[in-house]
Amino acid sequence: MEKQLERSAAVNPDLDRAIAARIDALLDERLEAKLAEIRAAKTPAMTIIATKGTLDWAYPPFILASTGAALGWDVSIFFTFYGLELLKKDLRTLKVSPLGNPAMPMKMPMGPEWFRAIRWNVPNAIQSLIPAYEAFATKMMQKTIRNKGVAPISELRALCLEAGVNLVGCQMTVDLFGYQPSDFIDEVKEYVGAATFLPMARDADVSLFI
């Protein structure tokens, strides 16, 4: 039989090439179908690096994480440097600092509509001279958040935990700033370094730095 096939191939090389091409095409089709099946079955993953610890910058990581979790994604947030403030038990200490932030004009959350519409672009030189200006800006931001019906940070964080978002602390920063695990909420189970987190980010479908 083998000799017959060899003679057939020798007699009709075009047929042999056609058969080989058909086999290759079938293999390609099956491989593509299998890869599509694997992709469809895979749960999307997202990693977020949170580096800032102010009230305004606390919203992006928790909003993105809770949204991703609601979509059924596997989500992890890596809190490093000042981002560790967002893992503390008491979030009422989070403040807003408009100083040095030209993209943050003040708008008053009180008074008539024409007054609320004014953007108070206070120069940094003046902000730095006004006593307790940061505390004032924080109070105004908190009032604006309440007026607009936006969930407070504590609520968003709780929503993330309920949805299964993995909150990861940076061990190097914990050591650097002299924190203790007891300073943070009990739901933080992991404190790792960059060498542990980077492979997680490499394998994720979406990686964000905030």
C-alpha atoms as a PDB file:
ATOM      1  CA  MET A   1       0.000   0.000   0.000  1.00  0.00           C
ATOM      2  CA  GLU A   2       2.776   2.394   0.884  1.00  0.00           C
ATOM      3  CA  LYS A   3       4.475   1.640  -2.418  1.00  0.00           C
ATOM      4  CA  GLN A   4       1.205   2.362  -4.228  1.00  0.00           C
ATOM      5  CA  LEU A   5       0.929   5.756  -2.490  1.00  0.00           C
ATOM      6  CA  GLU A   6       4.536   6.535  -3.326  1.00  0.00           C
ATOM      7  CA  ARG A   7       3.920   5.647  -6.976  1.00  0.00           C
ATOM      8  CA  SER A   8       0.725   7.733  -6.965  1.00  0.00           C
ATOM      9  CA  ALA A   9       2.571  10.723  -5.544  1.00  0.00           C
ATOM     10  CA  ALA A  10       5.354  10.272  -8.013  1.00  0.00           C
ATOM     11  CA  VAL A  11       2.891  10.008 -10.892  1.00  0.00           C
ATOM     12  CA  ASN A  12       0.720  12.919  -9.710  1.00  0.00           C
ATOM     13  CA  PRO A  13       2.730  15.414  -7.578  1.00  0.00           C
ATOM     14  CA  ASP A  14       0.008  18.066  -8.007  1.00  0.00           C
ATOM     15  CA  LEU A  15      -2.475  15.784  -6.252  1.00  0.00           C
ATOM     16  CA  ASP A  16      -0.037  15.318  -3.383  1.00  0.00           C
ATOM     17  CA  ARG A  17       0.392  19.059  -2.988  1.00  0.00           C
ATOM     18  CA  ALA A  18      -3.372  19.577  -3.118  1.00  0.00           C
ATOM     19  CA  ILE A  19      -3.928  17.015  -0.368  1.00  0.00           C
ATOM     20  CA  ALA A  20      -1.210  18.599   1.797  1.00  0.00           C
ATOM     21  CA  ALA A  21      -2.707  22.051   1.274  1.00  0.00           C
ATOM     22  CA  ARG A  22      -6.187  20.777   2.232  1.00  0.00           C
ATOM     23  CA  ILE A  23      -4.832  19.145   5.384  1.00  0.00           C
ATOM     24  CA  ASP A  24      -3.056  22.392   6.349  1.00  0.00           C
ATOM     25  CA  ALA A  25      -6.261  24.368   5.769  1.00  0.00           C
ATOM     26  CA  LEU A  26      -8.287  21.973   7.940  1.00  0.00           C
ATOM     27  CA  LEU A  27      -5.692  22.166  10.714  1.00  0.00           C
ATOM     28  CA  ASP A  28      -5.710  25.975  10.565  1.00  0.00           C
ATOM     29  CA  GLU A  29      -9.514  26.033  10.789  1.00  0.00           C
ATOM     30  CA  ARG A  30      -9.568  23.682  13.761  1.00  0.00           C
ATOM     31  CA  LEU A  31      -6.781  25.587  15.517  1.00  0.00           C
ATOM     32  CA  GLU A  32      -8.555  28.924  15.036  1.00  0.00           C
ATOM     33  CA  ALA A  33     -11.812  27.442  16.294  1.00  0.00           C
ATOM     34  CA  LYS A  34     -10.059  26.029  19.363  1.00  0.00           C
ATOM     35  CA  LEU A  35      -8.337  29.322  20.110  1.00  0.00           C
ATOM     36  CA  ALA A  36     -11.668  31.150  19.801  1.00  0.00           C
ATOM     37  CA  GLU A  37     -13.203  28.639  22.202  1.00  0.00           C
ATOM     38  CA  ILE A  38     -10.386  29.200  24.707  1.00  0.00           C
ATOM     39  CA  ARG A  39     -10.694  32.983  24.430  1.00  0.00           C
ATOM     40  CA  ALA A  40     -14.462  32.824  24.941  1.00  0.00           C
ATOM     41  CA  ALA A  41     -14.068  30.628  28.020  1.00  0.00           C
ATOM     42  CA  LYS A  42     -11.349  32.808  29.600  1.00  0.00           C
ATOM     43  CA  THR A  43     -12.400  35.272  32.279  1.00  0.00           C
ATOM     44  CA  PRO A  44     -10.979  38.751  31.506  1.00  0.00           C
ATOM     45  CA  ALA A  45      -8.552  40.090  34.105  1.00  0.00           C
ATOM     46  CA  MET A  46      -7.644  43.657  35.075  1.00  0.00           C
ATOM     47  CA  THR A  47      -4.922  45.013  37.336  1.00  0.00           C
ATOM     48  CA  ILE A  48      -4.818  48.573  38.662  1.00  0.00           C
ATOM     49  CA  ILE A  49      -1.893  50.317  40.344  1.00  0.00           C
ATOM     50  CA  ALA A  50      -3.158  52.956  42.801  1.00  0.00           C
ATOM     51  CA  THR A  51      -0.472  55.446  43.851  1.00  0.00           C
ATOM     52  CA  LYS A  52      -2.408  58.444  45.183  1.00  0.00           C
ATOM     53  CA  GLY A  53      -4.115  58.918  48.533  1.00  0.00           C
ATOM     54  CA  THR A  54      -6.311  61.992  48.206  1.00  0.00           C
ATOM     55  CA  LEU A  55     -10.110  62.084  48.222  1.00  0.00           C
ATOM     56  CA  ASP A  56     -10.439  62.974  44.545  1.00  0.00           C
ATOM     57  CA  TRP A  57      -7.879  60.379  43.380  1.00  0.00           C
ATOM     58  CA  ALA A  58      -9.492  57.666  45.489  1.00  0.00           C
ATOM     59  CA  TYR A  59     -12.447  57.443  43.108  1.00  0.00           C
ATOM     60  CA  PRO A  60     -10.824  56.223  39.839  1.00  0.00           C
ATOM     61  CA  PRO A  61      -9.377  52.911  41.120  1.00  0.00           C
ATOM     62  CA  PHE A  62     -12.495  51.915  43.048  1.00  0.00           C
ATOM     63  CA  ILE A  63     -14.919  52.937  40.282  1.00  0.00           C
ATOM     64  CA  LEU A  64     -12.926  51.077  37.621  1.00  0.00           C
ATOM     65  CA  ALA A  65     -12.441  48.033  39.855  1.00  0.00           C
ATOM     66  CA  SER A  66     -16.101  47.768  40.880  1.00  0.00           C
ATOM     67  CA  THR A  67     -17.193  48.177  37.256  1.00  0.00           C
ATOM     68  CA  GLY A  68     -14.781  45.497  36.081  1.00  0.00           C
ATOM     69  CA  ALA A  69     -15.963  43.133  38.806  1.00  0.00           C
ATOM     70  CA  ALA A  70     -19.590  43.811  37.855  1.00  0.00           C
ATOM     71  CA  LEU A  71     -18.706  42.702  34.320  1.00  0.00           C
ATOM     72  CA  GLY A  72     -17.444  39.422  35.723  1.00  0.00           C
ATOM     73  CA  TRP A  73     -13.738  40.230  35.429  1.00  0.00           C
ATOM     74  CA  ASP A  74     -11.003  39.175  37.837  1.00  0.00           C
ATOM     75  CA  VAL A  75      -9.756  42.466  39.294  1.00  0.00           C
ATOM     76  CA  SER A  76      -6.769  43.255  41.519  1.00  0.00           C
ATOM     77  CA  ILE A  77      -5.670  46.660  42.818  1.00  0.00           C
ATOM     78  CA  PHE A  78      -2.061  47.135  43.895  1.00  0.00           C
ATOM     79  CA  PHE A  79      -1.838  49.979  46.441  1.00  0.00           C
ATOM     80  CA  THR A  80       1.622  51.479  46.611  1.00  0.00           C
ATOM     81  CA  PHE A  81       3.140  54.616  48.162  1.00  0.00           C
ATOM     82  CA  TYR A  82       0.371  57.115  49.023  1.00  0.00           C
ATOM     83  CA  GLY A  83      -2.230  54.780  47.579  1.00  0.00           C
ATOM     84  CA  LEU A  84      -1.970  52.793  50.821  1.00  0.00           C
ATOM     85  CA  GLU A  85      -4.057  55.537  52.434  1.00  0.00           C
ATOM     86  CA  LEU A  86      -7.038  54.037  50.619  1.00  0.00           C
ATOM     87  CA  LEU A  87      -6.650  50.806  52.586  1.00  0.00           C
ATOM     88  CA  LYS A  88      -6.842  52.429  56.006  1.00  0.00           C
ATOM     89  CA  LYS A  89      -9.757  51.591  58.258  1.00  0.00           C
ATOM     90  CA  ASP A  90     -10.854  55.206  58.585  1.00  0.00           C
ATOM     91  CA  LEU A  91     -11.235  56.967  55.225  1.00  0.00           C
ATOM     92  CA  ARG A  92     -12.516  60.196  56.757  1.00  0.00           C
ATOM     93  CA  THR A  93      -8.936  61.463  56.847  1.00  0.00           C
ATOM     94  CA  LEU A  94      -8.754  61.628  53.022  1.00  0.00           C
ATOM     95  CA  LYS A  95      -8.351  65.207  51.858  1.00  0.00           C
ATOM     96  CA  VAL A  96      -8.358  67.213  48.648  1.00  0.00           C
ATOM     97  CA  SER A  97      -5.371  69.403  47.827  1.00  0.00           C
ATOM     98  CA  PRO A  98      -6.100  71.918  45.050  1.00  0.00           C
ATOM     99  CA  LEU A  99      -2.659  73.466  45.546  1.00  0.00           C
ATOM    100  CA  GLY A 100      -0.571  72.754  42.450  1.00  0.00           C
ATOM    101  CA  ASN A 101      -3.566  71.260  40.612  1.00  0.00           C
ATOM    102  CA  PRO A 102      -4.524  73.713  37.839  1.00  0.00           C
ATOM    103  CA  ALA A 103      -7.097  71.230  36.492  1.00  0.00           C
ATOM    104  CA  MET A 104      -9.165  71.584  39.652  1.00  0.00           C
ATOM    105  CA  PRO A 105     -11.053  74.911  39.670  1.00  0.00           C
ATOM    106  CA  MET A 106     -13.263  75.247  42.717  1.00  0.00           C
ATOM    107  CA  LYS A 107     -17.043  75.264  42.271  1.00  0.00           C
ATOM    108  CA  MET A 108     -19.260  76.006  45.253  1.00  0.00           C
ATOM    109  CA  PRO A 109     -21.837  73.354  46.181  1.00  0.00           C
ATOM    110  CA  MET A 110     -24.147  75.960  47.735  1.00  0.00           C
ATOM    111  CA  GLY A 111     -25.931  79.166  46.874  1.00  0.00           C
ATOM    112  CA  PRO A 112     -27.952  80.137  43.773  1.00  0.00           C
ATOM    113  CA  GLU A 113     -27.323  78.474  40.399  1.00  0.00           C
ATOM    114  CA  TRP A 114     -25.361  81.408  38.960  1.00  0.00           C
ATOM    115  CA  PHE A 115     -23.046  81.291  41.996  1.00  0.00           C
ATOM    116  CA  ARG A 116     -22.570  77.515  41.750  1.00  0.00           C
ATOM    117  CA  ALA A 117     -21.642  77.815  38.078  1.00  0.00           C
ATOM    118  CA  ILE A 118     -18.623  80.029  38.776  1.00  0.00           C
ATOM    119  CA  ARG A 119     -15.227  78.347  38.488  1.00  0.00           C
ATOM    120  CA  TRP A 120     -13.032  79.785  41.218  1.00  0.00           C
ATOM    121  CA  ASN A 121      -9.555  79.569  39.723  1.00  0.00           C
ATOM    122  CA  VAL A 122      -7.656  80.590  42.815  1.00  0.00           C
ATOM    123  CA  PRO A 123      -3.928  81.080  42.101  1.00  0.00           C
ATOM    124  CA  ASN A 124      -1.533  78.840  43.997  1.00  0.00           C
ATOM    125  CA  ALA A 125       0.140  81.855  45.567  1.00  0.00           C
ATOM    126  CA  ILE A 126      -3.164  82.843  47.187  1.00  0.00           C
ATOM    127  CA  GLN A 127      -4.110  79.277  48.167  1.00  0.00           C
ATOM    128  CA  SER A 128      -0.859  78.875  50.038  1.00  0.00           C
ATOM    129  CA  LEU A 129      -1.554  81.988  52.091  1.00  0.00           C
ATOM    130  CA  ILE A 130      -5.119  81.153  53.141  1.00  0.00           C
ATOM    131  CA  PRO A 131      -5.213  79.267  56.470  1.00  0.00           C
ATOM    132  CA  ALA A 132      -6.958  75.862  56.342  1.00  0.00           C
ATOM    133  CA  TYR A 133      -7.605  76.220  52.605  1.00  0.00           C
ATOM    134  CA  GLU A 134      -7.096  72.462  52.104  1.00  0.00           C
ATOM    135  CA  ALA A 135      -9.664  71.667  54.817  1.00  0.00           C
ATOM    136  CA  PHE A 136     -12.105  74.102  53.173  1.00  0.00           C
ATOM    137  CA  ALA A 137     -11.593  72.512  49.753  1.00  0.00           C
ATOM    138  CA  THR A 138     -12.123  69.047  51.253  1.00  0.00           C
ATOM    139  CA  LYS A 139     -15.401  70.099  52.877  1.00  0.00           C
ATOM    140  CA  MET A 140     -16.612  71.595  49.590  1.00  0.00           C
ATOM    141  CA  MET A 141     -15.697  68.414  47.694  1.00  0.00           C
ATOM    142  CA  GLN A 142     -17.478  66.223  50.242  1.00  0.00           C
ATOM    143  CA  LYS A 143     -20.586  68.397  50.015  1.00  0.00           C
ATOM    144  CA  THR A 144     -20.495  68.277  46.195  1.00  0.00           C
ATOM    145  CA  ILE A 145     -20.244  64.474  46.324  1.00  0.00           C
ATOM    146  CA  ARG A 146     -23.288  64.288  48.610  1.00  0.00           C
ATOM    147  CA  ASN A 147     -25.274  66.778  46.516  1.00  0.00           C
ATOM    148  CA  LYS A 148     -24.665  64.790  43.323  1.00  0.00           C
ATOM    149  CA  GLY A 149     -25.575  61.479  44.938  1.00  0.00           C
ATOM    150  CA  VAL A 150     -22.122  59.987  44.379  1.00  0.00           C
ATOM    151  CA  ALA A 151     -21.257  57.118  46.704  1.00  0.00           C
ATOM    152  CA  PRO A 152     -18.611  57.875  49.334  1.00  0.00           C
ATOM    153  CA  ILE A 153     -15.240  56.126  49.083  1.00  0.00           C
ATOM    154  CA  SER A 154     -16.019  53.783  51.971  1.00  0.00           C
ATOM    155  CA  GLU A 155     -19.118  52.570  50.121  1.00  0.00           C
ATOM    156  CA  LEU A 156     -17.244  52.059  46.853  1.00  0.00           C
ATOM    157  CA  ARG A 157     -14.500  50.133  48.625  1.00  0.00           C
ATOM    158  CA  ALA A 158     -17.070  47.923  50.345  1.00  0.00           C
ATOM    159  CA  LEU A 159     -18.716  47.312  46.968  1.00  0.00           C
ATOM    160  CA  CYS A 160     -15.361  46.221  45.520  1.00  0.00           C
ATOM    161  CA  LEU A 161     -14.809  43.792  48.375  1.00  0.00           C
ATOM    162  CA  GLU A 162     -18.312  42.387  48.011  1.00  0.00           C
ATOM    163  CA  ALA A 163     -17.680  41.859  44.283  1.00  0.00           C
ATOM    164  CA  GLY A 164     -14.462  39.944  44.967  1.00  0.00           C
ATOM    165  CA  VAL A 165     -11.881  42.578  43.999  1.00  0.00           C
ATOM    166  CA  ASN A 166      -8.452  41.596  45.321  1.00  0.00           C
ATOM    167  CA  LEU A 167      -6.902  44.452  47.315  1.00  0.00           C
ATOM    168  CA  VAL A 168      -3.114  44.067  47.457  1.00  0.00           C
ATOM    169  CA  GLY A 169      -0.764  46.194  49.552  1.00  0.00           C
ATOM    170  CA  CYS A 170       2.817  47.026  48.585  1.00  0.00           C
ATOM    171  CA  GLN A 171       5.086  45.452  51.190  1.00  0.00           C
ATOM    172  CA  MET A 172       8.004  47.712  50.323  1.00  0.00           C
ATOM    173  CA  THR A 173       5.923  50.835  50.960  1.00  0.00           C
ATOM    174  CA  VAL A 174       4.527  49.392  54.182  1.00  0.00           C
ATOM    175  CA  ASP A 175       8.097  48.926  55.412  1.00  0.00           C
ATOM    176  CA  LEU A 176       9.220  52.309  54.055  1.00  0.00           C
ATOM    177  CA  PHE A 177       6.530  54.322  55.845  1.00  0.00           C
ATOM    178  CA  GLY A 178       6.513  52.201  58.999  1.00  0.00           C
ATOM    179  CA  TYR A 179       2.965  50.895  58.598  1.00  0.00           C
ATOM    180  CA  GLN A 180       1.616  47.794  60.298  1.00  0.00           C
ATOM    181  CA  PRO A 181      -0.977  45.427  58.797  1.00  0.00           C
ATOM    182  CA  SER A 182      -3.240  46.436  61.697  1.00  0.00           C
ATOM    183  CA  ASP A 183      -3.367  49.959  60.189  1.00  0.00           C
ATOM    184  CA  PHE A 184      -5.400  48.606  57.289  1.00  0.00           C
ATOM    185  CA  ILE A 185      -8.712  46.838  56.819  1.00  0.00           C
ATOM    186  CA  ASP A 186      -8.717  43.117  57.552  1.00  0.00           C
ATOM    187  CA  GLU A 187      -9.811  42.248  54.009  1.00  0.00           C
ATOM    188  CA  VAL A 188      -6.300  43.004  52.719  1.00  0.00           C
ATOM    189  CA  LYS A 189      -4.836  39.511  52.689  1.00  0.00           C
ATOM    190  CA  GLU A 190      -1.741  40.103  50.564  1.00  0.00           C
ATOM    191  CA  TYR A 191       1.270  42.369  50.984  1.00  0.00           C
ATOM    192  CA  VAL A 192       3.680  41.761  48.130  1.00  0.00           C
ATOM    193  CA  GLY A 193       6.479  43.413  46.202  1.00  0.00           C
ATOM    194  CA  ALA A 194       6.770  44.483  42.583  1.00  0.00           C
ATOM    195  CA  ALA A 195       8.315  41.140  41.613  1.00  0.00           C
ATOM    196  CA  THR A 196       5.094  39.408  42.640  1.00  0.00           C
ATOM    197  CA  PHE A 197       2.688  41.950  41.194  1.00  0.00           C
ATOM    198  CA  LEU A 198       4.310  42.427  37.780  1.00  0.00           C
ATOM    199  CA  PRO A 199       3.573  38.855  36.598  1.00  0.00           C
ATOM    200  CA  MET A 200      -0.072  39.461  37.578  1.00  0.00           C
ATOM    201  CA  ALA A 201      -0.106  42.611  35.445  1.00  0.00           C
ATOM    202  CA  ARG A 202       1.665  40.830  32.578  1.00  0.00           C
ATOM    203  CA  ASP A 203      -1.028  38.156  32.418  1.00  0.00           C
ATOM    204  CA  ALA A 204      -3.947  40.594  32.753  1.00  0.00           C
ATOM    205  CA  ASP A 205      -5.983  41.706  29.761  1.00  0.00           C
ATOM    206  CA  VAL A 206      -6.112  45.300  31.044  1.00  0.00           C
ATOM    207  CA  SER A 207      -3.489  47.044  33.210  1.00  0.00           C
ATOM    208  CA  LEU A 208      -3.983  50.591  34.486  1.00  0.00           C
ATOM    209  CA  PHE A 209      -1.741  53.001  36.402  1.00  0.00           C
ATOM    210  CA  ILE A 210      -3.502  55.646  38.488  1.00  0.00           C
END
